[in-house]
N, C-alpha and C. Protein backbone atom coordinates (compact mmCIF):
# COMPACT_ATOMS: atom_id res chain seq x y z
N MET A 1 120.04 153.50 116.65
CA MET A 1 119.06 153.70 115.97
C MET A 1 118.29 152.25 115.65
N SER A 2 118.59 151.09 116.64
CA SER A 2 117.86 149.79 116.54
C SER A 2 116.00 150.18 116.97
N TYR A 3 115.62 149.46 116.15
CA TYR A 3 114.14 149.25 116.78
C TYR A 3 113.69 148.19 115.84
N TRP A 4 112.37 147.47 116.53
CA TRP A 4 111.71 146.49 116.06
C TRP A 4 110.59 146.82 115.15
N GLN A 5 110.18 146.23 114.01
CA GLN A 5 108.87 146.39 113.23
C GLN A 5 108.69 144.91 112.57
N GLN A 6 107.22 145.26 112.28
CA GLN A 6 106.43 143.98 112.21
C GLN A 6 105.55 144.59 110.64
N SER A 7 106.22 144.27 109.58
CA SER A 7 104.98 145.30 108.56
C SER A 7 104.09 144.34 108.57
N ASN A 8 103.59 143.09 108.59
CA ASN A 8 102.15 142.39 108.66
C ASN A 8 101.63 142.19 109.89
N TRP A 9 101.88 143.10 110.79
CA TRP A 9 101.49 142.53 112.39
C TRP A 9 99.82 142.44 112.14
N ALA A 10 99.01 143.25 111.50
CA ALA A 10 97.63 142.78 111.53
C ALA A 10 97.02 143.15 110.08
N THR A 11 96.15 142.83 109.68
CA THR A 11 94.98 143.00 108.31
C THR A 11 94.18 143.48 108.65
N SER A 12 93.89 144.68 107.76
CA SER A 12 92.59 145.62 107.66
C SER A 12 91.68 144.69 107.07
N ALA A 13 90.25 145.14 106.96
CA ALA A 13 89.21 144.71 106.70
C ALA A 13 88.80 144.31 104.92
N LYS A 14 89.76 145.10 104.53
CA LYS A 14 90.01 144.96 102.91
C LYS A 14 91.47 144.26 102.62
N GLY A 15 92.09 143.46 103.98
CA GLY A 15 93.18 142.80 103.38
C GLY A 15 94.38 143.48 103.19
N LYS A 16 94.59 144.78 103.69
CA LYS A 16 95.73 145.53 103.76
C LYS A 16 97.24 145.42 104.66
N ASN A 17 97.76 145.53 104.63
CA ASN A 17 98.70 144.99 105.95
C ASN A 17 98.67 146.49 106.67
N ILE A 18 98.53 146.21 108.07
CA ILE A 18 99.28 147.03 109.16
C ILE A 18 100.31 146.82 109.92
N ALA A 19 101.35 147.97 109.54
CA ALA A 19 102.43 147.48 110.50
C ALA A 19 102.66 147.96 111.74
N LEU A 20 103.81 147.28 112.78
CA LEU A 20 103.69 147.80 114.26
C LEU A 20 105.10 147.82 114.17
N PHE A 21 105.57 149.11 115.01
CA PHE A 21 106.70 149.54 115.35
C PHE A 21 107.10 149.39 117.00
N ALA A 22 107.86 149.30 117.04
CA ALA A 22 108.17 149.29 118.92
C ALA A 22 109.59 149.28 118.93
N SER A 23 110.50 149.77 120.19
CA SER A 23 111.79 150.21 120.90
C SER A 23 112.37 149.12 120.97
N LYS A 24 111.72 147.94 121.25
CA LYS A 24 112.18 146.14 121.05
C LYS A 24 111.45 145.02 120.53
N PRO A 25 111.41 143.95 120.29
CA PRO A 25 110.49 143.02 120.52
C PRO A 25 109.53 143.30 121.23
N ILE A 26 108.33 142.77 120.82
CA ILE A 26 107.10 142.99 121.46
C ILE A 26 107.16 141.99 123.20
N VAL A 27 107.50 140.85 122.45
CA VAL A 27 107.99 139.61 123.44
C VAL A 27 108.90 140.13 124.51
N GLU A 28 109.77 140.95 124.56
CA GLU A 28 110.67 141.75 125.38
C GLU A 28 110.07 142.78 125.77
N LEU A 29 108.69 143.33 125.61
CA LEU A 29 108.23 144.80 125.92
C LEU A 29 107.54 144.13 127.17
N VAL A 30 106.88 142.79 127.45
CA VAL A 30 105.40 142.57 128.48
C VAL A 30 105.53 142.98 129.42
N ALA A 31 106.51 142.94 130.00
CA ALA A 31 106.96 143.59 131.44
C ALA A 31 107.41 144.99 131.57
N GLU A 32 107.46 145.77 130.82
CA GLU A 32 108.03 147.18 130.83
C GLU A 32 106.88 147.95 130.85
N ARG A 33 105.81 147.67 130.37
CA ARG A 33 104.66 148.83 130.57
C ARG A 33 104.79 149.80 129.66
N PRO A 34 104.99 149.42 128.08
CA PRO A 34 105.47 150.82 127.05
C PRO A 34 104.39 151.69 126.48
N LEU A 35 104.77 152.76 126.57
CA LEU A 35 103.86 153.74 125.77
C LEU A 35 103.30 153.15 124.48
N LEU A 36 101.75 153.49 124.55
CA LEU A 36 101.32 152.95 122.95
C LEU A 36 100.87 154.10 122.61
N PHE A 37 101.61 154.15 121.10
CA PHE A 37 100.80 155.62 120.16
C PHE A 37 100.13 154.98 119.05
N ILE A 38 99.08 155.33 118.75
CA ILE A 38 98.29 154.92 117.40
C ILE A 38 97.38 156.29 116.52
N GLY A 39 98.03 156.20 115.07
CA GLY A 39 97.67 157.18 114.27
C GLY A 39 96.51 156.34 113.23
N GLY A 40 95.46 157.34 112.71
CA GLY A 40 94.74 157.07 111.72
C GLY A 40 93.76 155.99 112.11
N VAL A 41 92.94 156.16 113.18
CA VAL A 41 91.76 155.32 113.79
C VAL A 41 90.67 155.72 112.66
N HIS A 42 90.65 157.07 112.37
CA HIS A 42 89.73 157.39 111.61
C HIS A 42 90.48 158.07 110.29
N GLY A 43 90.07 157.51 109.05
CA GLY A 43 90.41 157.55 107.73
C GLY A 43 90.54 159.01 107.28
N ASP A 44 89.36 159.65 107.84
CA ASP A 44 89.28 161.14 107.00
C ASP A 44 90.29 162.27 108.05
N GLU A 45 91.10 161.76 108.99
CA GLU A 45 91.59 162.87 109.62
C GLU A 45 93.48 162.34 109.50
N PRO A 46 93.85 163.17 108.28
CA PRO A 46 95.30 162.83 108.06
C PRO A 46 96.34 163.67 109.00
N GLU A 47 95.83 164.43 109.70
CA GLU A 47 96.29 165.29 110.77
C GLU A 47 97.18 163.85 112.00
N GLY A 48 96.43 163.10 112.20
CA GLY A 48 96.79 162.00 112.92
C GLY A 48 97.63 160.72 112.54
N VAL A 49 97.75 161.08 111.56
CA VAL A 49 98.71 159.96 110.68
C VAL A 49 99.79 160.76 110.57
N GLU A 50 100.08 161.81 110.05
CA GLU A 50 100.79 162.74 110.09
C GLU A 50 101.63 162.78 111.35
N LEU A 51 101.36 163.59 112.71
CA LEU A 51 101.84 163.05 113.32
C LEU A 51 102.54 161.90 114.01
N ALA A 52 101.50 160.83 113.70
CA ALA A 52 101.99 159.45 114.13
C ALA A 52 103.45 159.10 113.15
N GLU A 53 103.85 159.61 111.86
CA GLU A 53 104.77 159.42 111.14
C GLU A 53 106.02 159.72 111.68
N LYS A 54 105.65 161.17 112.14
CA LYS A 54 106.59 162.11 112.52
C LYS A 54 107.27 161.66 113.64
N TRP A 55 106.26 161.06 114.77
CA TRP A 55 107.13 161.14 116.01
C TRP A 55 107.55 159.61 115.86
N LEU A 56 107.34 158.76 115.02
CA LEU A 56 107.74 157.41 114.53
C LEU A 56 109.25 157.77 114.34
N MET A 57 109.28 158.69 113.29
CA MET A 57 110.71 159.38 112.70
C MET A 57 111.49 159.81 113.87
N TRP A 58 111.13 160.47 114.42
CA TRP A 58 111.82 160.66 115.81
C TRP A 58 112.08 159.91 116.93
N LEU A 59 111.02 159.09 117.02
CA LEU A 59 111.65 157.90 118.18
C LEU A 59 112.46 156.74 117.17
N ILE A 60 112.66 156.44 116.24
CA ILE A 60 113.72 155.62 115.37
C ILE A 60 115.23 155.98 116.01
N GLU A 61 115.35 157.62 115.45
CA GLU A 61 116.19 158.70 115.70
C GLU A 61 117.63 158.45 116.95
N HIS A 62 116.18 158.33 117.78
CA HIS A 62 116.61 158.85 119.19
C HIS A 62 116.23 157.51 120.19
N ASN A 63 115.98 156.40 119.58
CA ASN A 63 115.37 155.02 120.30
C ASN A 63 116.68 154.68 121.48
N GLN A 64 117.83 154.79 121.24
CA GLN A 64 118.72 154.53 122.15
C GLN A 64 119.25 155.51 123.27
N GLN A 65 118.47 156.72 122.91
CA GLN A 65 118.74 158.08 124.22
C GLN A 65 117.92 157.71 124.94
N TYR A 66 116.64 157.40 124.88
CA TYR A 66 115.44 156.93 126.08
C TYR A 66 115.35 155.69 126.35
N ASN A 67 114.83 155.55 127.46
CA ASN A 67 114.54 154.17 128.43
C ASN A 67 113.45 154.06 127.90
N ALA A 68 112.54 155.32 128.04
CA ALA A 68 111.13 154.75 128.08
C ALA A 68 110.63 153.71 126.76
N PRO A 69 110.18 152.50 127.09
CA PRO A 69 109.78 151.49 125.94
C PRO A 69 108.46 152.15 125.16
N TRP A 70 108.39 151.75 124.35
CA TRP A 70 107.37 152.28 123.30
C TRP A 70 106.90 151.08 122.18
N VAL A 71 105.63 151.28 121.85
CA VAL A 71 104.97 150.69 120.65
C VAL A 71 104.08 151.75 119.71
N LEU A 72 104.15 151.67 118.31
CA LEU A 72 103.39 152.44 117.75
C LEU A 72 103.02 152.14 116.35
N ILE A 73 101.68 152.22 115.98
CA ILE A 73 101.26 151.96 114.99
C ILE A 73 100.67 153.26 114.10
N THR A 74 101.36 153.24 112.95
CA THR A 74 101.11 154.87 112.58
C THR A 74 99.89 155.29 111.55
N CYS A 75 98.93 153.82 111.50
CA CYS A 75 97.70 153.91 110.55
C CYS A 75 96.93 152.67 110.83
N ILE A 76 96.11 152.75 111.51
CA ILE A 76 95.26 151.29 112.23
C ILE A 76 94.29 151.07 111.06
N ASN A 77 93.92 152.07 110.41
CA ASN A 77 92.97 151.84 109.64
C ASN A 77 93.02 152.59 107.64
N PRO A 78 93.87 151.74 107.47
CA PRO A 78 94.44 152.11 105.92
C PRO A 78 93.57 152.05 105.37
N ASP A 79 92.12 151.04 105.34
CA ASP A 79 91.20 150.88 104.28
C ASP A 79 90.41 152.52 104.37
N GLY A 80 90.25 153.34 105.19
CA GLY A 80 89.27 154.43 105.31
C GLY A 80 90.77 155.48 104.89
N TYR A 81 91.87 155.44 105.21
CA TYR A 81 92.71 156.45 105.36
C TYR A 81 92.84 156.48 103.71
N ASN A 82 93.11 155.50 102.83
CA ASN A 82 93.25 155.52 101.38
C ASN A 82 92.11 156.28 100.85
N ILE A 83 90.95 156.34 100.99
CA ILE A 83 89.93 156.88 100.64
C ILE A 83 89.25 158.02 101.31
N ASN A 84 90.11 158.37 102.55
CA ASN A 84 89.67 159.36 103.02
C ASN A 84 88.24 159.62 103.51
N GLU A 85 88.03 158.12 104.47
CA GLU A 85 87.29 158.26 104.82
C GLU A 85 86.64 157.61 106.49
N ARG A 86 86.26 158.24 107.35
CA ARG A 86 86.17 157.88 108.80
C ARG A 86 86.21 156.68 108.80
N THR A 87 85.50 155.54 108.58
CA THR A 87 85.04 154.29 109.10
C THR A 87 86.47 153.45 107.98
N ASN A 88 86.20 152.02 108.64
CA ASN A 88 86.79 150.78 107.95
C ASN A 88 86.60 150.43 106.63
N GLY A 89 86.67 149.48 105.85
CA GLY A 89 86.62 149.16 104.89
C GLY A 89 85.38 148.38 104.96
N ASN A 90 84.85 147.96 106.29
CA ASN A 90 83.50 147.24 106.56
C ASN A 90 82.17 148.49 106.71
N GLY A 91 82.80 149.74 106.96
CA GLY A 91 81.96 150.71 106.81
C GLY A 91 81.73 151.04 108.37
N VAL A 92 82.70 150.43 109.45
CA VAL A 92 82.65 150.61 110.61
C VAL A 92 83.54 151.97 111.39
N ASP A 93 82.60 152.33 112.41
CA ASP A 93 83.50 153.75 113.14
C ASP A 93 84.51 152.49 114.08
N LEU A 94 85.92 152.65 113.74
CA LEU A 94 86.35 151.79 114.66
C LEU A 94 86.53 152.17 116.52
N ASN A 95 86.21 153.40 116.48
CA ASN A 95 86.26 154.10 117.82
C ASN A 95 85.21 154.08 118.15
N ARG A 96 84.30 153.40 118.14
CA ARG A 96 82.69 152.82 118.46
C ARG A 96 82.65 151.25 118.61
N ASN A 97 83.69 150.76 117.93
CA ASN A 97 83.83 149.17 117.98
C ASN A 97 84.26 148.55 118.82
N PHE A 98 85.22 149.11 120.02
CA PHE A 98 85.48 148.52 121.01
C PHE A 98 85.04 147.76 122.08
N PRO A 99 85.04 146.55 122.41
CA PRO A 99 84.77 145.97 123.51
C PRO A 99 84.27 146.25 124.72
N SER A 100 83.86 147.58 124.92
CA SER A 100 83.84 147.96 126.19
C SER A 100 82.34 147.44 127.00
N MET A 101 82.67 147.97 127.97
CA MET A 101 80.96 147.33 128.98
C MET A 101 79.82 148.38 128.43
N CYS A 102 80.39 149.76 127.88
CA CYS A 102 79.36 150.53 127.79
C CYS A 102 78.80 150.64 125.97
N TRP A 103 79.31 149.59 124.93
CA TRP A 103 79.32 149.44 123.64
C TRP A 103 77.54 149.41 123.37
N SER A 104 77.36 149.96 122.29
CA SER A 104 76.14 150.03 122.12
C SER A 104 75.91 150.01 120.40
N ASP A 105 74.88 149.65 120.22
CA ASP A 105 74.67 149.21 118.37
C ASP A 105 73.78 150.34 118.10
N GLU A 106 73.67 151.59 118.83
CA GLU A 106 73.05 152.63 118.24
C GLU A 106 73.97 153.80 117.56
N CYS A 107 73.74 154.72 116.62
CA CYS A 107 74.36 155.72 116.17
C CYS A 107 73.28 156.74 115.69
N LYS A 108 74.40 157.85 115.73
CA LYS A 108 73.63 159.20 114.99
C LYS A 108 73.53 159.18 113.37
N ALA A 109 75.00 158.56 113.32
CA ALA A 109 75.14 159.07 111.55
C ALA A 109 75.63 157.59 111.03
N PRO A 110 75.20 157.10 109.91
CA PRO A 110 76.38 156.02 109.52
C PRO A 110 78.07 156.15 109.90
N ARG A 111 78.05 157.11 109.77
CA ARG A 111 79.70 157.34 109.98
C ARG A 111 80.31 157.15 111.38
N TYR A 112 79.20 156.89 112.31
CA TYR A 112 79.26 156.32 113.42
C TYR A 112 78.97 155.13 113.82
N PHE A 113 78.80 154.38 112.72
CA PHE A 113 78.44 152.70 113.04
C PHE A 113 78.99 152.24 113.77
N PRO A 114 78.19 151.31 115.11
CA PRO A 114 79.80 150.58 115.85
C PRO A 114 80.00 149.56 115.60
N GLY A 115 79.36 148.47 114.43
CA GLY A 115 79.47 147.43 114.05
C GLY A 115 78.50 146.79 114.32
N SER A 116 78.54 145.36 114.05
CA SER A 116 77.31 144.12 114.30
C SER A 116 77.34 143.70 115.45
N SER A 117 78.66 144.02 116.27
CA SER A 117 78.88 143.41 117.59
C SER A 117 79.91 144.02 118.12
N PRO A 118 80.14 144.72 119.72
CA PRO A 118 81.63 144.85 119.83
C PRO A 118 83.03 143.92 119.49
N GLY A 119 83.94 144.90 119.10
CA GLY A 119 85.24 144.17 118.70
C GLY A 119 85.27 143.04 117.36
N SER A 120 84.22 143.81 116.57
CA SER A 120 83.88 142.91 115.21
C SER A 120 84.91 143.16 114.11
N GLU A 121 85.50 143.94 114.52
CA GLU A 121 86.87 144.53 113.63
C GLU A 121 87.81 143.98 113.39
N PRO A 122 88.72 143.70 112.30
CA PRO A 122 89.96 142.81 112.40
C PRO A 122 90.77 144.21 113.18
N GLU A 123 91.22 145.11 112.86
CA GLU A 123 91.55 146.05 113.38
C GLU A 123 91.75 146.38 115.10
N VAL A 124 90.24 146.54 115.35
CA VAL A 124 90.15 146.36 116.62
C VAL A 124 90.43 145.14 117.29
N LYS A 125 90.13 143.89 116.67
CA LYS A 125 90.84 142.54 117.26
C LYS A 125 92.26 143.04 117.72
N ALA A 126 93.03 143.11 116.83
CA ALA A 126 94.29 143.27 116.61
C ALA A 126 94.55 144.11 117.90
N LEU A 127 94.53 145.22 118.09
CA LEU A 127 94.59 146.12 118.93
C LEU A 127 93.93 145.45 120.27
N ALA A 128 93.07 145.10 120.47
CA ALA A 128 93.19 144.78 121.84
C ALA A 128 93.46 143.39 122.50
N LYS A 129 93.83 142.69 121.26
CA LYS A 129 94.76 141.60 121.38
C LYS A 129 96.31 142.13 121.91
N LEU A 130 96.74 143.08 121.40
CA LEU A 130 98.23 143.74 121.66
C LEU A 130 98.38 144.68 123.11
N ILE A 131 96.97 145.29 123.27
CA ILE A 131 96.88 145.84 124.76
C ILE A 131 96.45 144.74 125.84
N GLU A 132 96.56 143.84 125.39
CA GLU A 132 96.11 142.56 126.47
C GLU A 132 97.60 142.15 126.51
N GLN A 133 98.17 141.88 125.80
CA GLN A 133 99.72 141.15 125.59
C GLN A 133 100.73 141.88 126.43
N ILE A 134 100.66 143.42 126.13
CA ILE A 134 101.79 144.21 126.39
C ILE A 134 101.44 144.35 128.15
N PRO A 135 100.41 144.56 128.85
CA PRO A 135 99.85 146.19 128.66
C PRO A 135 100.59 147.33 128.49
N PRO A 136 99.62 148.62 128.06
CA PRO A 136 100.55 149.48 128.23
C PRO A 136 100.30 150.65 129.60
N THR A 137 101.45 150.93 129.88
CA THR A 137 101.35 152.27 130.96
C THR A 137 99.92 153.42 130.63
N LEU A 138 100.39 154.00 128.89
CA LEU A 138 99.46 154.58 128.88
C LEU A 138 98.96 154.58 126.88
N ILE A 139 97.88 154.91 126.78
CA ILE A 139 97.63 154.77 125.19
C ILE A 139 97.54 156.35 124.75
N ILE A 140 98.06 156.43 123.65
CA ILE A 140 97.72 158.10 123.06
C ILE A 140 97.50 157.77 121.44
N HIS A 141 96.19 158.26 121.19
CA HIS A 141 96.25 157.99 119.42
C HIS A 141 95.83 159.58 119.14
N PHE A 142 96.04 159.59 117.96
CA PHE A 142 96.31 160.99 117.28
C PHE A 142 94.98 161.20 116.41
N HIS A 143 94.10 162.56 116.60
CA HIS A 143 93.47 162.44 115.64
C HIS A 143 92.84 164.01 115.40
N SER A 144 91.94 164.41 114.89
CA SER A 144 92.12 165.95 114.24
C SER A 144 90.43 166.03 114.33
N TRP A 145 89.83 167.13 114.77
CA TRP A 145 88.52 167.91 115.04
C TRP A 145 88.76 169.09 115.33
N GLU A 146 88.23 169.24 116.65
CA GLU A 146 88.82 170.44 117.41
C GLU A 146 89.73 170.77 118.43
N PRO A 147 90.61 171.63 118.31
CA PRO A 147 91.96 171.02 119.16
C PRO A 147 91.60 170.91 120.96
N SER A 148 92.42 169.98 121.09
CA SER A 148 91.79 169.76 122.79
C SER A 148 92.89 168.17 122.95
N ILE A 149 93.23 167.90 124.47
CA ILE A 149 93.86 166.95 124.99
C ILE A 149 93.01 166.21 125.66
N VAL A 150 92.13 165.18 125.07
CA VAL A 150 90.78 164.50 125.59
C VAL A 150 91.74 163.66 126.37
N TYR A 151 91.54 163.29 127.73
CA TYR A 151 91.83 162.22 128.71
C TYR A 151 90.90 161.26 129.47
N SER A 152 91.08 159.73 129.35
CA SER A 152 90.37 158.95 130.27
C SER A 152 91.05 158.64 131.24
N GLY A 153 90.54 158.52 132.45
CA GLY A 153 91.17 157.81 133.02
C GLY A 153 92.06 158.86 133.95
N ASP A 154 92.11 158.92 135.55
CA ASP A 154 92.69 159.76 136.17
C ASP A 154 94.38 159.72 135.65
N SER A 155 94.92 158.36 135.65
CA SER A 155 96.04 158.18 135.41
C SER A 155 96.73 158.65 134.17
N ALA A 156 95.89 159.11 133.67
CA ALA A 156 96.15 159.89 131.85
C ALA A 156 96.60 161.64 132.15
N LYS A 157 95.68 161.74 133.31
CA LYS A 157 95.70 163.47 133.42
C LYS A 157 96.90 164.44 133.53
N HIS A 158 97.99 163.65 134.29
CA HIS A 158 99.24 164.82 134.00
C HIS A 158 99.64 164.39 133.01
N ALA A 159 99.52 163.25 132.20
CA ALA A 159 100.30 163.31 130.80
C ALA A 159 99.88 164.07 129.72
N ALA A 160 98.21 164.38 130.16
CA ALA A 160 97.36 165.27 129.61
C ALA A 160 97.82 166.98 129.45
N GLU A 161 97.95 167.02 130.70
CA GLU A 161 98.50 168.39 130.98
C GLU A 161 99.89 168.76 130.78
N ILE A 162 100.36 167.66 130.32
CA ILE A 162 101.97 168.13 129.50
C ILE A 162 101.90 168.34 127.96
N LEU A 163 100.93 167.72 127.76
CA LEU A 163 100.84 167.74 125.96
C LEU A 163 99.92 169.17 126.10
N ALA A 164 98.73 169.37 126.73
CA ALA A 164 98.45 170.59 126.69
C ALA A 164 99.04 172.08 126.67
N GLN A 165 99.90 171.73 127.98
CA GLN A 165 100.93 172.61 127.79
C GLN A 165 101.83 173.21 127.03
N ALA A 166 102.51 171.97 126.01
CA ALA A 166 103.11 172.04 124.97
C ALA A 166 102.69 172.52 123.31
N SER A 167 101.18 172.10 123.69
CA SER A 167 100.77 172.50 122.45
C SER A 167 99.57 173.80 122.51
N GLY A 168 99.45 174.39 123.73
CA GLY A 168 98.47 175.39 124.02
C GLY A 168 97.54 174.82 123.64
N TYR A 169 96.38 173.62 123.32
CA TYR A 169 95.31 173.05 123.71
C TYR A 169 95.07 172.92 124.94
N LYS A 170 93.80 172.85 125.30
CA LYS A 170 93.29 172.64 126.77
C LYS A 170 93.27 171.10 126.86
N ALA A 171 93.71 170.82 127.65
CA ALA A 171 93.43 169.45 128.39
C ALA A 171 92.04 169.24 129.38
N GLN A 172 90.88 168.16 128.80
CA GLN A 172 89.53 167.91 129.42
C GLN A 172 89.39 166.26 129.37
N PRO A 173 88.59 165.72 130.31
CA PRO A 173 88.36 164.89 130.69
C PRO A 173 87.16 163.75 129.66
N ASP A 174 87.03 164.85 129.15
CA ASP A 174 86.05 163.98 127.91
C ASP A 174 86.15 165.02 126.71
N ILE A 175 85.08 164.73 125.75
CA ILE A 175 85.30 165.32 124.27
C ILE A 175 83.54 165.85 124.13
N GLY A 176 82.78 166.09 125.43
CA GLY A 176 81.57 166.62 125.61
C GLY A 176 80.05 165.79 124.81
N TYR A 177 80.53 164.61 124.56
CA TYR A 177 79.36 163.85 124.38
C TYR A 177 79.50 162.25 124.38
N PRO A 178 79.16 161.59 124.95
CA PRO A 178 78.90 159.79 125.04
C PRO A 178 79.87 159.42 123.83
N THR A 179 80.53 158.34 124.16
CA THR A 179 81.40 157.52 123.15
C THR A 179 81.36 156.38 123.26
N PRO A 180 80.32 155.40 123.54
CA PRO A 180 80.12 154.17 123.66
C PRO A 180 81.02 153.21 122.49
N GLY A 181 81.71 152.26 123.21
CA GLY A 181 82.41 151.48 122.23
C GLY A 181 84.05 152.47 122.01
N SER A 182 84.41 153.61 122.34
CA SER A 182 85.28 154.43 122.05
C SER A 182 86.91 153.49 122.88
N LEU A 183 88.08 153.91 122.42
CA LEU A 183 89.00 153.37 123.27
C LEU A 183 89.37 153.57 124.23
N GLY A 184 89.18 155.12 124.57
CA GLY A 184 88.64 156.36 125.91
C GLY A 184 87.97 155.09 126.98
N GLU A 185 87.26 154.43 126.48
CA GLU A 185 85.91 153.95 127.61
C GLU A 185 86.58 152.79 127.68
N TYR A 186 86.92 151.66 126.67
CA TYR A 186 87.35 150.69 126.85
C TYR A 186 89.03 150.80 127.75
N GLY A 187 89.99 151.55 127.17
CA GLY A 187 91.09 151.59 127.96
C GLY A 187 90.88 151.81 129.18
N ALA A 188 90.26 153.16 129.22
CA ALA A 188 90.44 153.69 131.19
C ALA A 188 89.53 152.76 131.87
N ASN A 189 87.97 152.85 131.33
CA ASN A 189 86.97 152.33 132.20
C ASN A 189 86.59 151.01 132.60
N ASP A 190 87.17 150.11 131.59
CA ASP A 190 87.23 148.71 131.61
C ASP A 190 88.38 147.85 131.74
N LEU A 191 89.82 148.54 131.40
CA LEU A 191 90.98 148.29 131.85
C LEU A 191 92.18 148.64 132.89
N GLY A 192 91.45 149.94 133.10
CA GLY A 192 91.96 150.89 133.63
C GLY A 192 93.44 151.19 133.39
N ILE A 193 93.38 151.06 132.06
CA ILE A 193 94.67 151.99 131.46
C ILE A 193 94.46 153.37 131.03
N GLY A 194 94.96 154.56 131.46
CA GLY A 194 94.89 155.88 130.95
C GLY A 194 95.38 155.87 129.56
N VAL A 195 94.26 156.84 129.00
CA VAL A 195 93.80 157.04 127.57
C VAL A 195 93.92 158.31 127.31
N ILE A 196 94.69 158.83 126.19
CA ILE A 196 95.12 160.19 125.38
C ILE A 196 94.20 160.91 124.14
N CYS A 197 93.41 161.04 124.00
CA CYS A 197 93.14 161.39 122.22
C CYS A 197 93.54 162.75 122.23
N ILE A 198 94.57 162.90 121.16
CA ILE A 198 95.38 164.46 120.60
C ILE A 198 94.13 164.92 119.68
N GLU A 199 93.34 165.95 119.76
CA GLU A 199 92.67 166.65 118.83
C GLU A 199 93.35 167.56 118.17
N GLU A 200 94.30 167.60 116.73
CA GLU A 200 94.71 168.53 116.12
C GLU A 200 93.44 169.50 115.22
N GLN A 201 93.58 170.46 115.29
CA GLN A 201 92.45 171.36 114.49
C GLN A 201 92.38 170.58 113.16
N GLU A 202 91.40 170.02 113.14
CA GLU A 202 90.85 169.71 111.33
C GLU A 202 91.09 170.52 110.51
N GLY A 203 92.06 170.13 109.14
CA GLY A 203 92.18 170.80 108.28
C GLY A 203 93.79 171.75 108.51
N GLU A 204 94.18 171.33 109.74
CA GLU A 204 95.48 172.02 110.00
C GLU A 204 96.47 171.62 108.95
N PRO A 205 97.00 172.37 108.59
CA PRO A 205 98.56 172.40 107.27
C PRO A 205 99.39 171.20 108.25
N LEU A 206 99.54 170.20 107.32
CA LEU A 206 100.46 169.39 108.00
C LEU A 206 101.48 169.44 108.37
N GLU A 207 102.47 170.34 107.69
CA GLU A 207 103.70 170.91 108.37
C GLU A 207 103.42 171.33 110.05
N ASN A 208 102.63 171.67 110.33
CA ASN A 208 102.49 172.08 111.50
C ASN A 208 101.97 171.53 112.67
N VAL A 209 101.99 170.23 112.44
CA VAL A 209 101.22 169.24 113.45
C VAL A 209 102.36 168.80 114.63
N PHE A 210 103.56 168.42 113.73
CA PHE A 210 104.34 167.49 114.85
C PHE A 210 105.33 168.74 115.29
N PRO A 211 105.54 170.03 114.91
CA PRO A 211 106.00 170.72 115.84
C PRO A 211 105.09 171.46 116.88
N ARG A 212 104.20 171.00 116.67
CA ARG A 212 103.16 171.59 118.18
C ARG A 212 103.23 170.64 118.92
N PHE A 213 103.25 169.69 119.02
CA PHE A 213 103.27 168.47 119.61
C PHE A 213 104.71 167.66 120.33
N LYS A 214 105.56 168.20 119.57
CA LYS A 214 106.79 167.26 119.86
C LYS A 214 107.51 167.43 121.28
N ALA A 215 107.03 168.84 121.67
CA ALA A 215 107.81 168.68 123.19
C ALA A 215 107.11 167.99 123.71
N GLY A 216 106.04 168.17 123.81
CA GLY A 216 105.07 167.49 124.75
C GLY A 216 105.63 165.84 124.73
N LEU A 217 105.56 165.46 123.61
CA LEU A 217 105.57 163.99 123.24
C LEU A 217 106.97 163.39 123.89
N ILE A 218 108.07 164.43 123.57
CA ILE A 218 109.55 164.23 124.12
C ILE A 218 109.34 163.99 125.88
N GLU A 219 108.50 164.83 126.35
CA GLU A 219 108.54 165.34 127.59
C GLU A 219 107.98 163.77 128.51
N LEU A 220 107.31 163.23 127.85
CA LEU A 220 106.48 161.91 128.09
C LEU A 220 107.36 161.10 127.86
N MET A 221 107.93 160.90 127.26
CA MET A 221 109.43 159.71 126.83
C MET A 221 110.43 160.21 128.18
N SER A 222 110.24 160.92 128.64
CA SER A 222 111.53 161.15 129.80
C SER A 222 110.48 161.19 131.28
N LEU A 223 109.00 160.92 131.25
CA LEU A 223 108.03 160.84 132.42
C LEU A 223 108.17 159.42 133.18
N LYS A 224 108.14 159.33 134.17
CA LYS A 224 108.19 158.06 134.80
C LYS A 224 106.59 158.19 134.83
N LEU A 225 106.00 157.17 134.29
CA LEU A 225 104.60 157.05 134.28
C LEU A 225 104.13 155.98 135.45
N LYS A 226 102.73 156.25 136.23
CA LYS A 226 102.89 155.16 136.94
C LYS A 226 101.40 154.52 136.64
N ALA A 227 101.60 153.11 136.36
CA ALA A 227 100.59 152.39 135.63
C ALA A 227 99.76 151.72 136.97
N LYS A 228 98.26 151.65 136.49
CA LYS A 228 97.37 151.32 137.23
C LYS A 228 97.67 149.63 137.54
N SER A 229 97.96 148.95 138.64
CA SER A 229 98.24 147.61 138.74
C SER A 229 96.86 146.76 139.13
């Protein structure tokens, strides 16, 4: 049941600690290309935090059973999560703030505000640094809106299909509208790392969330994913 934890891995815009969990110390994972799981990017999507927390509990319990290395953040946006708001403590949509080549300062509503510049937010800076340090084989972040498994990058397609088959949700290569500055754009298009966005049904009873994705996530732990070199 051994695992590694850093309770003060990063700090939110409002000074809250953000914890990082992993199968072993990060410095030992650099050459292993772990799977990276992220919850709570949007503070008003509790389904994503619920999935991340329950998945973490399962990973900790079975850490010695699987060889697949992993890193997990249960809630990257504690400021928004604590007050049920999409944005972080600076009013920035973290999933529009990544320093992707397509980042734009335009937004259709305040809840999508991308920040004053790409990568301006402490949560995004910490995550971008982590991705550079590891780097992961695959990034999976947990959200809620309309049920789907959205993948960015061809290397993520097979994993997305596994999650789709297990959950009964459709796998699709985009969410249906442009997302400049998103993790998908940054990871897949800029860095060549496959990214999957799990979209649970918004408002789904929390007790239903982990059971729906459990089998698919476990299968990913047994899958030899091919990382783009």
